[in-house]
Amino acid sequence: MSSIRPDELDERLESGDGPFLLDIRPKSAFRSNAIENSHNVPVYQELRRGDDAALRDRIEEIPTDEDVVVVCKMGMVAKRATSLLVDEGYDAATLAGGMSGWTGYRNGTLGYKLRSLLWRLR
C-alpha cells in the first residue's frame, strides 16, 4: 500500500499538483487543525472499530479522477481507508504519520526529523 511523506505532499501542494485530501478524523479534530483544502469525511471511529460501511456509504464524496491522500491522526486508521479505496479502484495513498507527522513537518520538530530519517532509510 502506498504512502506519501509530509514533505512530498507539501511539494505537490505547492506545485499545484495537489491530490484530493481526504481527512477521516472526527469533525472536532478536523475543525481544530486541518490541512488547507482538505475534505472531512468523519469515519475515523467506525474504521478504527473495523466498520468499513461508514466509508463505503460516503464514497461518492471522493472523486475518482484525482489522486487521493487519506489523513487521520497518526496514519494507522488511514491505512485501512486507503486499502478500501484502492480496492475500489482509487489511486490512494496514506499520509505517513498523519496529522501528527504533518504538524511535526510544518513545525520542524526533532521528532519529525527523526521519523523522516527512518522513512528515508526504508
C-alpha atoms as a PDB file:
ATOM      1  CA  MET A   1       0.000   0.000   0.000  1.00  0.00           C
ATOM      2  CA  SER A   2       1.217   3.428  -0.895  1.00  0.00           C
ATOM      3  CA  SER A   3       2.077   6.265   1.457  1.00  0.00           C
ATOM      4  CA  ILE A   4       3.312   9.807   0.999  1.00  0.00           C
ATOM      5  CA  ARG A   5       5.597  11.694   3.377  1.00  0.00           C
ATOM      6  CA  PRO A   6       4.557  15.154   4.583  1.00  0.00           C
ATOM      7  CA  ASP A   7       7.408  16.833   2.692  1.00  0.00           C
ATOM      8  CA  GLU A   8       6.373  15.076  -0.530  1.00  0.00           C
ATOM      9  CA  LEU A   9       2.756  16.140  -0.035  1.00  0.00           C
ATOM     10  CA  ASP A  10       3.824  19.718   0.647  1.00  0.00           C
ATOM     11  CA  GLU A  11       5.828  19.765  -2.606  1.00  0.00           C
ATOM     12  CA  ARG A  12       2.795  18.553  -4.551  1.00  0.00           C
ATOM     13  CA  LEU A  13       0.510  21.093  -2.903  1.00  0.00           C
ATOM     14  CA  GLU A  14       2.944  23.935  -3.601  1.00  0.00           C
ATOM     15  CA  SER A  15       3.358  22.896  -7.241  1.00  0.00           C
ATOM     16  CA  GLY A  16      -0.398  22.999  -7.826  1.00  0.00           C
ATOM     17  CA  ASP A  17      -0.453  19.237  -8.433  1.00  0.00           C
ATOM     18  CA  GLY A  18      -2.142  18.570  -5.131  1.00  0.00           C
ATOM     19  CA  PRO A  19      -4.221  15.447  -4.590  1.00  0.00           C
ATOM     20  CA  PHE A  20      -7.696  15.299  -3.100  1.00  0.00           C
ATOM     21  CA  LEU A  21      -7.062  15.345   0.659  1.00  0.00           C
ATOM     22  CA  LEU A  22      -9.486  13.085   2.495  1.00  0.00           C
ATOM     23  CA  ASP A  23      -9.369  13.747   6.233  1.00  0.00           C
ATOM     24  CA  ILE A  24     -11.226  10.958   8.036  1.00  0.00           C
ATOM     25  CA  ARG A  25     -10.803  12.323  11.562  1.00  0.00           C
ATOM     26  CA  PRO A  26     -13.795  13.387  13.682  1.00  0.00           C
ATOM     27  CA  LYS A  27     -15.255  16.815  12.876  1.00  0.00           C
ATOM     28  CA  SER A  28     -13.905  18.369  16.071  1.00  0.00           C
ATOM     29  CA  ALA A  29     -10.322  17.340  15.289  1.00  0.00           C
ATOM     30  CA  PHE A  30     -10.707  18.494  11.690  1.00  0.00           C
ATOM     31  CA  ARG A  31     -12.026  21.894  12.795  1.00  0.00           C
ATOM     32  CA  SER A  32      -9.152  22.444  15.214  1.00  0.00           C
ATOM     33  CA  ASN A  33      -6.326  21.541  12.803  1.00  0.00           C
ATOM     34  CA  ALA A  34      -6.566  20.534   9.159  1.00  0.00           C
ATOM     35  CA  ILE A  35      -4.501  20.766   6.011  1.00  0.00           C
ATOM     36  CA  GLU A  36      -5.746  23.583   3.802  1.00  0.00           C
ATOM     37  CA  ASN A  37      -8.327  22.496   1.201  1.00  0.00           C
ATOM     38  CA  SER A  38      -8.794  19.059   2.749  1.00  0.00           C
ATOM     39  CA  HIS A  39     -12.232  17.450   2.849  1.00  0.00           C
ATOM     40  CA  ASN A  40     -13.633  15.929   6.012  1.00  0.00           C
ATOM     41  CA  VAL A  41     -15.469  12.624   5.869  1.00  0.00           C
ATOM     42  CA  PRO A  42     -15.512  11.761   9.593  1.00  0.00           C
ATOM     43  CA  VAL A  43     -15.410   7.963   9.588  1.00  0.00           C
ATOM     44  CA  TYR A  44     -12.357   7.528  11.839  1.00  0.00           C
ATOM     45  CA  GLN A  45     -14.167   5.929  14.792  1.00  0.00           C
ATOM     46  CA  GLU A  46     -16.041   3.457  12.599  1.00  0.00           C
ATOM     47  CA  LEU A  47     -12.907   2.417  10.692  1.00  0.00           C
ATOM     48  CA  ARG A  48     -10.999   2.124  13.954  1.00  0.00           C
ATOM     49  CA  ARG A  49     -13.620  -0.404  15.090  1.00  0.00           C
ATOM     50  CA  GLY A  50     -13.316  -2.280  11.790  1.00  0.00           C
ATOM     51  CA  ASP A  51     -16.555  -0.944  10.256  1.00  0.00           C
ATOM     52  CA  ASP A  52     -15.853  -0.181   6.585  1.00  0.00           C
ATOM     53  CA  ALA A  53     -19.532   0.500   5.835  1.00  0.00           C
ATOM     54  CA  ALA A  54     -19.317   4.109   7.041  1.00  0.00           C
ATOM     55  CA  LEU A  55     -16.716   4.964   4.395  1.00  0.00           C
ATOM     56  CA  ARG A  56     -18.468   2.910   1.726  1.00  0.00           C
ATOM     57  CA  ASP A  57     -21.676   4.863   2.450  1.00  0.00           C
ATOM     58  CA  ARG A  58     -19.866   8.141   1.718  1.00  0.00           C
ATOM     59  CA  ILE A  59     -17.548   7.021  -1.068  1.00  0.00           C
ATOM     60  CA  GLU A  60     -19.419   9.125  -3.649  1.00  0.00           C
ATOM     61  CA  GLU A  61     -17.956  12.217  -1.939  1.00  0.00           C
ATOM     62  CA  ILE A  62     -14.480  11.176  -3.123  1.00  0.00           C
ATOM     63  CA  PRO A  63     -13.595  11.983  -6.730  1.00  0.00           C
ATOM     64  CA  THR A  64     -12.494   9.073  -8.873  1.00  0.00           C
ATOM     65  CA  ASP A  65     -10.475  11.215 -11.289  1.00  0.00           C
ATOM     66  CA  GLU A  66      -7.934  12.542  -8.767  1.00  0.00           C
ATOM     67  CA  ASP A  67      -5.177  11.059  -6.628  1.00  0.00           C
ATOM     68  CA  VAL A  68      -6.398  10.751  -3.041  1.00  0.00           C
ATOM     69  CA  VAL A  69      -4.327  11.158   0.115  1.00  0.00           C
ATOM     70  CA  VAL A  70      -6.013   9.894   3.282  1.00  0.00           C
ATOM     71  CA  VAL A  71      -5.298  11.701   6.546  1.00  0.00           C
ATOM     72  CA  CYS A  72      -6.015  10.636  10.117  1.00  0.00           C
ATOM     73  CA  LYS A  73      -4.378  11.310  13.476  1.00  0.00           C
ATOM     74  CA  MET A  74      -1.237   9.164  13.116  1.00  0.00           C
ATOM     75  CA  GLY A  75      -1.744   7.340   9.816  1.00  0.00           C
ATOM     76  CA  MET A  76      -2.784   3.930  11.131  1.00  0.00           C
ATOM     77  CA  VAL A  77      -6.545   4.157  10.579  1.00  0.00           C
ATOM     78  CA  ALA A  78      -5.958   5.986   7.296  1.00  0.00           C
ATOM     79  CA  LYS A  79      -4.206   2.851   6.035  1.00  0.00           C
ATOM     80  CA  ARG A  80      -7.482   0.961   6.381  1.00  0.00           C
ATOM     81  CA  ALA A  81      -9.329   3.675   4.411  1.00  0.00           C
ATOM     82  CA  THR A  82      -6.575   3.733   1.785  1.00  0.00           C
ATOM     83  CA  SER A  83      -6.803  -0.034   1.354  1.00  0.00           C
ATOM     84  CA  LEU A  84     -10.560   0.148   0.882  1.00  0.00           C
ATOM     85  CA  LEU A  85     -10.199   2.959  -1.684  1.00  0.00           C
ATOM     86  CA  VAL A  86      -7.509   1.082  -3.618  1.00  0.00           C
ATOM     87  CA  ASP A  87      -9.771  -1.993  -3.668  1.00  0.00           C
ATOM     88  CA  GLU A  88     -12.498   0.237  -5.144  1.00  0.00           C
ATOM     89  CA  GLY A  89     -10.190   1.428  -7.925  1.00  0.00           C
ATOM     90  CA  TYR A  90      -8.954   4.718  -6.479  1.00  0.00           C
ATOM     91  CA  ASP A  91      -5.363   5.912  -6.755  1.00  0.00           C
ATOM     92  CA  ALA A  92      -4.963   6.429  -2.998  1.00  0.00           C
ATOM     93  CA  ALA A  93      -2.133   6.822  -0.507  1.00  0.00           C
ATOM     94  CA  THR A  94      -1.870   7.381   3.238  1.00  0.00           C
ATOM     95  CA  LEU A  95      -0.215  10.477   4.693  1.00  0.00           C
ATOM     96  CA  ALA A  96       2.721   8.976   6.613  1.00  0.00           C
ATOM     97  CA  GLY A  97       2.462   9.996  10.255  1.00  0.00           C
ATOM     98  CA  GLY A  98      -0.997  11.505   9.737  1.00  0.00           C
ATOM     99  CA  MET A  99      -1.729  14.969  11.105  1.00  0.00           C
ATOM    100  CA  SER A 100       0.903  14.379  13.760  1.00  0.00           C
ATOM    101  CA  GLY A 101       3.511  13.944  11.038  1.00  0.00           C
ATOM    102  CA  TRP A 102       2.179  16.906   9.054  1.00  0.00           C
ATOM    103  CA  THR A 103       2.239  19.194  12.101  1.00  0.00           C
ATOM    104  CA  GLY A 104       5.728  17.998  13.037  1.00  0.00           C
ATOM    105  CA  TYR A 105       6.919  18.647   9.494  1.00  0.00           C
ATOM    106  CA  ARG A 106       5.403  22.128   9.384  1.00  0.00           C
ATOM    107  CA  ASN A 107       6.869  22.976  12.805  1.00  0.00           C
ATOM    108  CA  GLY A 108      10.247  21.387  12.066  1.00  0.00           C
ATOM    109  CA  THR A 109      10.207  19.304  15.237  1.00  0.00           C
ATOM    110  CA  LEU A 110      13.038  16.979  16.168  1.00  0.00           C
ATOM    111  CA  GLY A 111      10.574  14.082  16.357  1.00  0.00           C
ATOM    112  CA  TYR A 112       9.547  14.671  12.759  1.00  0.00           C
ATOM    113  CA  LYS A 113      13.152  14.951  11.612  1.00  0.00           C
ATOM    114  CA  LEU A 114      13.995  11.604  13.219  1.00  0.00           C
ATOM    115  CA  ARG A 115      10.873   9.929  11.804  1.00  0.00           C
ATOM    116  CA  SER A 116      11.661  11.377   8.378  1.00  0.00           C
ATOM    117  CA  LEU A 117      15.147   9.937   8.527  1.00  0.00           C
ATOM    118  CA  LEU A 118      13.712   6.484   9.305  1.00  0.00           C
ATOM    119  CA  TRP A 119      11.252   6.749   6.383  1.00  0.00           C
ATOM    120  CA  ARG A 120      14.095   7.583   4.020  1.00  0.00           C
ATOM    121  CA  LEU A 121      16.191   4.635   5.236  1.00  0.00           C
ATOM    122  CA  ARG A 122      13.431   2.109   4.470  1.00  0.00           C
END
